[in-house]
């Protein structure tokens, strides 16, 4: 039997208590819970469009970096490549990057959308049937998520998807490049959160768009992360301006992984403010 969780309001109140309450008495986050995400039972599905802005390539590396951190070592996740909408431009394939970031835990919606939806749906159904929630990180548009949620709801008709499936989007541009009926569907049938844009800062989420590239040299020497970030930089440099969008931050050698604010929001790391804060937290060793 499916376990229907409490309302989002109750979840938020519990999060505030866990994050800020009674620390003087020794209370605080448990190892299993990060932010809104419960590592013992929840599932993260991270959707990347990679079309045409190469910032997704750095966002893939950033999420892969987070998932290697000891505090997130038990996260159950699946990454999706090619989860794009109706925007113009060319898709940037990056199978080596996805493998470096996520191992075998990713699917290719560009190469076979139906198979990708099916694989993600089966994993989500298993999570939901075991009492966990599903979190959709929209590092792109919501077309793939709409197809996924339709598949889940068809398989689990008694599921209250509005309570159990959570969609997190930071970009108005991504919303505008989503097939309109798909965006409406995801808003109606999931717990949809539009959070502040990760390109700006000072707005409630970190600023993960910075033209200062000082961390590149340190990442290139990082024992565990060097191959991941070297490949992310190679691909973003090679494709910037050639896939249909010239990213000004990447053009001058900076960092743009703004979509990653969705992950910091889900996992409870929104106290980070800048790319420097991000790397000090997740790539310091």
Protein backbone atom coordinates (compact mmCIF):
# COMPACT_ATOMS: atom_id res chain seq x y z
CA UNK A 1 0.00 0.00 0.00
CA UNK A 2 1.33 3.47 -0.86
CA UNK A 3 2.24 5.71 2.04
CA UNK A 4 0.89 9.21 1.55
CA UNK A 5 3.11 11.74 3.31
CA UNK A 6 2.05 14.87 5.16
CA UNK A 7 1.49 18.16 3.38
CA UNK A 8 4.28 20.25 1.97
CA UNK A 9 3.67 22.82 4.70
CA UNK A 10 4.39 20.24 7.37
CA UNK A 11 7.50 19.14 5.48
CA UNK A 12 8.74 22.73 5.36
CA UNK A 13 8.10 23.25 9.08
CA UNK A 14 9.96 20.07 9.90
CA UNK A 15 12.84 21.17 7.68
CA UNK A 16 13.08 24.49 9.48
CA UNK A 17 13.09 22.75 12.85
CA UNK A 18 15.75 20.24 11.79
CA UNK A 19 17.93 22.91 10.18
CA UNK A 20 17.75 25.61 12.81
CA UNK A 21 16.11 24.40 15.98
CA UNK A 22 17.59 23.47 19.33
CA UNK A 23 21.19 23.16 18.17
CA UNK A 24 22.41 24.15 21.61
CA UNK A 25 20.82 20.98 22.90
CA UNK A 26 22.63 18.83 20.36
CA UNK A 27 19.84 18.56 17.81
CA UNK A 28 20.55 18.87 14.08
CA UNK A 29 20.25 17.12 10.74
CA UNK A 30 20.59 13.37 10.82
CA UNK A 31 22.97 11.66 8.42
CA UNK A 32 20.04 10.34 6.38
CA UNK A 33 18.33 13.69 5.83
CA UNK A 34 19.78 16.55 3.80
CA UNK A 35 17.51 19.53 3.39
CA UNK A 36 14.25 18.24 1.98
CA UNK A 37 15.74 14.94 0.77
CA UNK A 38 15.72 11.70 2.76
CA UNK A 39 18.62 9.52 1.67
CA UNK A 40 17.03 6.44 3.22
CA UNK A 41 14.07 6.43 0.84
CA UNK A 42 13.90 9.30 -1.69
CA UNK A 43 15.02 9.40 -5.33
CA UNK A 44 16.60 12.26 -7.28
CA UNK A 45 16.06 12.38 -11.04
CA UNK A 46 18.26 15.11 -12.52
CA UNK A 47 17.21 16.21 -16.01
CA UNK A 48 19.72 18.01 -18.24
CA UNK A 49 18.80 19.51 -21.61
CA UNK A 50 22.33 20.35 -22.89
CA UNK A 51 20.75 22.39 -25.69
CA UNK A 52 22.08 24.84 -26.79
CA UNK A 53 23.75 26.40 -23.73
CA UNK A 54 26.88 24.50 -22.65
CA UNK A 55 26.31 25.53 -19.03
CA UNK A 56 24.62 22.15 -18.53
CA UNK A 57 27.97 20.47 -19.05
CA UNK A 58 29.32 22.26 -16.01
CA UNK A 59 26.08 21.60 -14.12
CA UNK A 60 26.57 17.87 -14.76
CA UNK A 61 30.08 18.11 -13.31
CA UNK A 62 28.82 20.12 -10.33
CA UNK A 63 26.10 17.61 -9.42
CA UNK A 64 28.56 14.76 -9.89
CA UNK A 65 30.90 16.57 -7.52
CA UNK A 66 28.16 16.97 -4.91
CA UNK A 67 27.22 13.31 -5.10
CA UNK A 68 30.80 12.31 -4.30
CA UNK A 69 30.71 14.27 -1.04
CA UNK A 70 30.45 12.19 2.12
CA UNK A 71 27.25 13.96 3.22
CA UNK A 72 25.46 12.78 0.06
CA UNK A 73 27.05 9.37 -0.29
CA UNK A 74 23.76 7.47 0.05
CA UNK A 75 21.65 9.47 -2.39
CA UNK A 76 19.64 7.33 -4.78
CA UNK A 77 19.67 9.09 -8.14
CA UNK A 78 19.32 8.88 -11.90
CA UNK A 79 20.57 11.49 -14.37
CA UNK A 80 18.91 12.12 -17.72
CA UNK A 81 20.75 13.48 -20.75
CA UNK A 82 18.84 15.19 -23.55
CA UNK A 83 15.81 16.26 -21.48
CA UNK A 84 15.17 19.27 -23.71
CA UNK A 85 12.03 21.06 -24.83
CA UNK A 86 11.15 23.13 -27.89
CA UNK A 87 14.14 25.50 -27.97
CA UNK A 88 16.25 26.11 -31.06
CA UNK A 89 19.89 25.14 -31.31
CA UNK A 90 21.84 21.90 -31.28
CA UNK A 91 21.98 19.23 -28.62
CA UNK A 92 25.45 18.68 -27.15
CA UNK A 93 26.09 14.96 -26.58
CA UNK A 94 28.37 14.25 -23.63
CA UNK A 95 28.36 10.52 -22.80
CA UNK A 96 31.89 10.51 -21.37
CA UNK A 97 31.01 13.38 -19.05
CA UNK A 98 27.85 11.66 -17.82
CA UNK A 99 29.80 8.47 -17.19
CA UNK A 100 32.44 10.35 -15.21
CA UNK A 101 29.78 12.15 -13.18
CA UNK A 102 27.27 9.36 -12.64
CA UNK A 103 28.83 6.04 -13.65
CA UNK A 104 26.06 3.85 -15.03
CA UNK A 105 23.27 5.77 -13.31
CA UNK A 106 22.12 7.84 -16.27
CA UNK A 107 19.94 7.45 -19.35
CA UNK A 108 20.00 9.05 -22.79
CA UNK A 109 16.68 10.69 -23.66
CA UNK A 110 18.16 12.14 -26.84
CA UNK A 111 19.13 8.72 -28.18
CA UNK A 112 16.00 6.85 -27.03
CA UNK A 113 13.43 8.96 -25.25
CA UNK A 114 10.90 6.16 -24.75
CA UNK A 115 13.48 3.87 -23.15
CA UNK A 116 14.72 6.70 -20.93
CA UNK A 117 11.20 7.48 -19.71
CA UNK A 118 10.57 3.80 -19.03
CA UNK A 119 13.80 3.36 -17.06
CA UNK A 120 13.17 6.48 -14.98
CA UNK A 121 9.53 5.52 -14.42
CA UNK A 122 10.38 2.04 -13.17
CA UNK A 123 12.93 3.42 -10.72
CA UNK A 124 10.49 6.10 -9.54
CA UNK A 125 7.68 3.58 -9.08
CA UNK A 126 9.90 1.41 -6.91
CA UNK A 127 10.81 4.39 -4.75
CA UNK A 128 7.20 5.52 -4.39
CA UNK A 129 5.93 2.04 -3.56
CA UNK A 130 8.54 1.80 -0.80
CA UNK A 131 7.38 5.07 0.76
CA UNK A 132 9.93 7.47 -0.68
CA UNK A 133 9.40 10.67 -2.63
CA UNK A 134 10.72 11.55 -6.08
CA UNK A 135 12.58 14.82 -6.72
CA UNK A 136 12.90 16.16 -10.26
CA UNK A 137 15.78 18.57 -10.79
CA UNK A 138 14.99 20.53 -13.94
CA UNK A 139 18.36 21.54 -15.38
CA UNK A 140 16.39 22.25 -18.52
CA UNK A 141 12.77 22.04 -19.61
CA UNK A 142 9.90 19.93 -18.28
CA UNK A 143 8.95 17.95 -21.40
CA UNK A 144 10.71 14.82 -20.17
CA UNK A 145 9.27 15.22 -16.68
CA UNK A 146 5.74 15.44 -18.09
CA UNK A 147 6.21 12.17 -19.96
CA UNK A 148 7.72 10.59 -16.86
CA UNK A 149 4.94 11.70 -14.52
CA UNK A 150 2.29 10.48 -16.99
CA UNK A 151 3.99 7.08 -17.01
CA UNK A 152 4.18 6.94 -13.22
CA UNK A 153 0.55 7.97 -12.76
CA UNK A 154 -0.62 5.40 -15.30
CA UNK A 155 1.21 2.67 -13.40
CA UNK A 156 0.18 3.91 -9.94
CA UNK A 157 -3.32 5.38 -10.40
CA UNK A 158 -3.94 5.80 -6.65
CA UNK A 159 -0.78 7.83 -6.13
CA UNK A 160 -1.17 11.43 -4.99
CA UNK A 161 1.57 12.71 -7.28
CA UNK A 162 1.02 16.28 -6.12
CA UNK A 163 2.33 15.26 -2.70
CA UNK A 164 4.89 12.63 -3.63
CA UNK A 165 6.64 13.98 -6.75
CA UNK A 166 8.49 17.28 -6.38
CA UNK A 167 9.69 19.35 -9.34
CA UNK A 168 12.30 22.08 -8.83
CA UNK A 169 12.91 24.69 -11.54
CA UNK A 170 15.00 27.85 -11.29
CA UNK A 171 14.80 29.28 -14.80
CA UNK A 172 12.01 31.23 -16.47
CA UNK A 173 13.80 30.68 -19.78
CA UNK A 174 13.53 26.91 -19.26
CA UNK A 175 9.82 27.26 -18.54
CA UNK A 176 9.31 29.29 -21.70
CA UNK A 177 11.15 26.66 -23.76
CA UNK A 178 8.93 23.85 -22.44
CA UNK A 179 6.00 22.59 -24.52
CA UNK A 180 3.18 24.63 -22.91
CA UNK A 181 0.88 21.70 -22.19
CA UNK A 182 3.78 19.77 -20.63
CA UNK A 183 4.57 22.64 -18.29
CA UNK A 184 0.92 22.88 -17.30
CA UNK A 185 0.81 19.14 -16.67
CA UNK A 186 3.87 19.14 -14.41
CA UNK A 187 2.57 22.14 -12.50
CA UNK A 188 -0.79 20.45 -11.99
CA UNK A 189 0.33 16.94 -11.09
CA UNK A 190 3.53 17.50 -9.11
CA UNK A 191 4.60 19.66 -6.19
CA UNK A 192 6.13 22.33 -8.46
CA UNK A 193 8.60 24.80 -6.96
CA UNK A 194 9.90 27.75 -8.99
CA UNK A 195 12.93 28.90 -7.02
CA UNK A 196 15.05 32.03 -7.64
CA UNK A 197 17.42 31.96 -10.60
CA UNK A 198 20.93 30.66 -9.95
CA UNK A 199 22.55 33.17 -12.29
CA UNK A 200 22.04 36.18 -10.06
CA UNK A 201 22.69 35.70 -6.37
CA UNK A 202 21.28 37.66 -3.47
CA UNK A 203 17.84 36.31 -4.30
CA UNK A 204 17.48 33.26 -2.10
CA UNK A 205 19.68 30.85 -4.04
CA UNK A 206 23.44 30.84 -4.64
CA UNK A 207 25.06 32.56 -7.63
CA UNK A 208 26.70 29.78 -9.61
CA UNK A 209 27.60 31.99 -12.58
CA UNK A 210 31.00 33.63 -12.12
CA UNK A 211 33.49 34.88 -14.70
CA UNK A 212 36.35 34.26 -12.29
CA UNK A 213 37.92 30.96 -13.33
CA UNK A 214 40.54 30.67 -10.59
CA UNK A 215 39.27 27.24 -9.51
CA UNK A 216 40.01 25.60 -12.87
CA UNK A 217 43.69 25.06 -12.07
CA UNK A 218 42.88 23.56 -8.68
CA UNK A 219 40.24 21.25 -10.12
CA UNK A 220 42.68 20.07 -12.79
CA UNK A 221 44.96 18.85 -9.99
CA UNK A 222 42.21 17.35 -7.81
CA UNK A 223 42.85 13.64 -7.34
CA UNK A 224 39.21 12.55 -7.56
CA UNK A 225 37.55 15.32 -9.59
CA UNK A 226 40.13 16.26 -12.22
CA UNK A 227 38.88 13.97 -15.04
CA UNK A 228 35.29 15.15 -14.53
CA UNK A 229 36.02 18.88 -14.62
CA UNK A 230 38.63 18.64 -17.38
CA UNK A 231 36.02 16.96 -19.59
CA UNK A 232 33.37 19.52 -18.60
CA UNK A 233 35.68 22.38 -19.54
CA UNK A 234 36.76 20.75 -22.79
CA UNK A 235 33.17 20.23 -23.91
CA UNK A 236 31.89 23.62 -22.78
CA UNK A 237 34.76 25.44 -24.49
CA UNK A 238 34.42 23.44 -27.71
CA UNK A 239 30.66 23.89 -27.99
CA UNK A 240 30.23 27.44 -26.74
CA UNK A 241 28.84 29.50 -29.58
CA UNK A 242 28.66 26.51 -31.93
CA UNK A 243 25.50 24.85 -30.62
CA UNK A 244 23.39 27.98 -30.94
CA UNK A 245 24.28 30.02 -27.87
CA UNK A 246 27.40 31.92 -26.87
CA UNK A 247 27.60 31.81 -23.09
CA UNK A 248 29.51 34.97 -22.02
CA UNK A 249 30.77 33.48 -18.76
CA UNK A 250 32.17 30.36 -20.42
CA UNK A 251 33.64 32.52 -23.20
CA UNK A 252 35.99 34.22 -20.72
CA UNK A 253 36.91 31.04 -18.86
CA UNK A 254 34.49 31.33 -15.96
CA UNK A 255 32.06 28.94 -14.31
CA UNK A 256 28.37 28.62 -15.09
CA UNK A 257 26.57 25.77 -13.38
CA UNK A 258 23.55 27.82 -12.37
CA UNK A 259 21.14 24.87 -12.63
CA UNK A 260 22.90 23.37 -9.62
CA UNK A 261 21.02 25.73 -7.28
CA UNK A 262 18.14 23.27 -7.63
CA UNK A 263 20.32 20.56 -6.11
CA UNK A 264 21.55 22.83 -3.31
CA UNK A 265 17.90 23.72 -2.60
CA UNK A 266 16.82 20.08 -2.48
CA UNK A 267 19.78 18.95 -0.37
CA UNK A 268 19.82 21.93 2.00
CA UNK A 269 22.98 23.80 0.94
CA UNK A 270 21.49 27.17 0.09
CA UNK A 271 23.73 28.82 2.67
CA UNK A 272 26.37 28.68 -0.07
CA UNK A 273 26.49 31.98 -1.93
CA UNK A 274 29.09 31.71 -4.70
CA UNK A 275 31.01 29.28 -6.89
CA UNK A 276 33.92 29.73 -4.48
CA UNK A 277 31.71 28.61 -1.59
CA UNK A 278 30.59 25.61 -3.65
CA UNK A 279 34.10 24.39 -4.37
CA UNK A 280 35.29 25.03 -0.83
CA UNK A 281 32.45 22.81 0.38
CA UNK A 282 32.55 20.01 -2.18
CA UNK A 283 36.05 20.09 -3.71
CA UNK A 284 38.31 21.21 -0.90
CA UNK A 285 40.06 17.86 -0.47
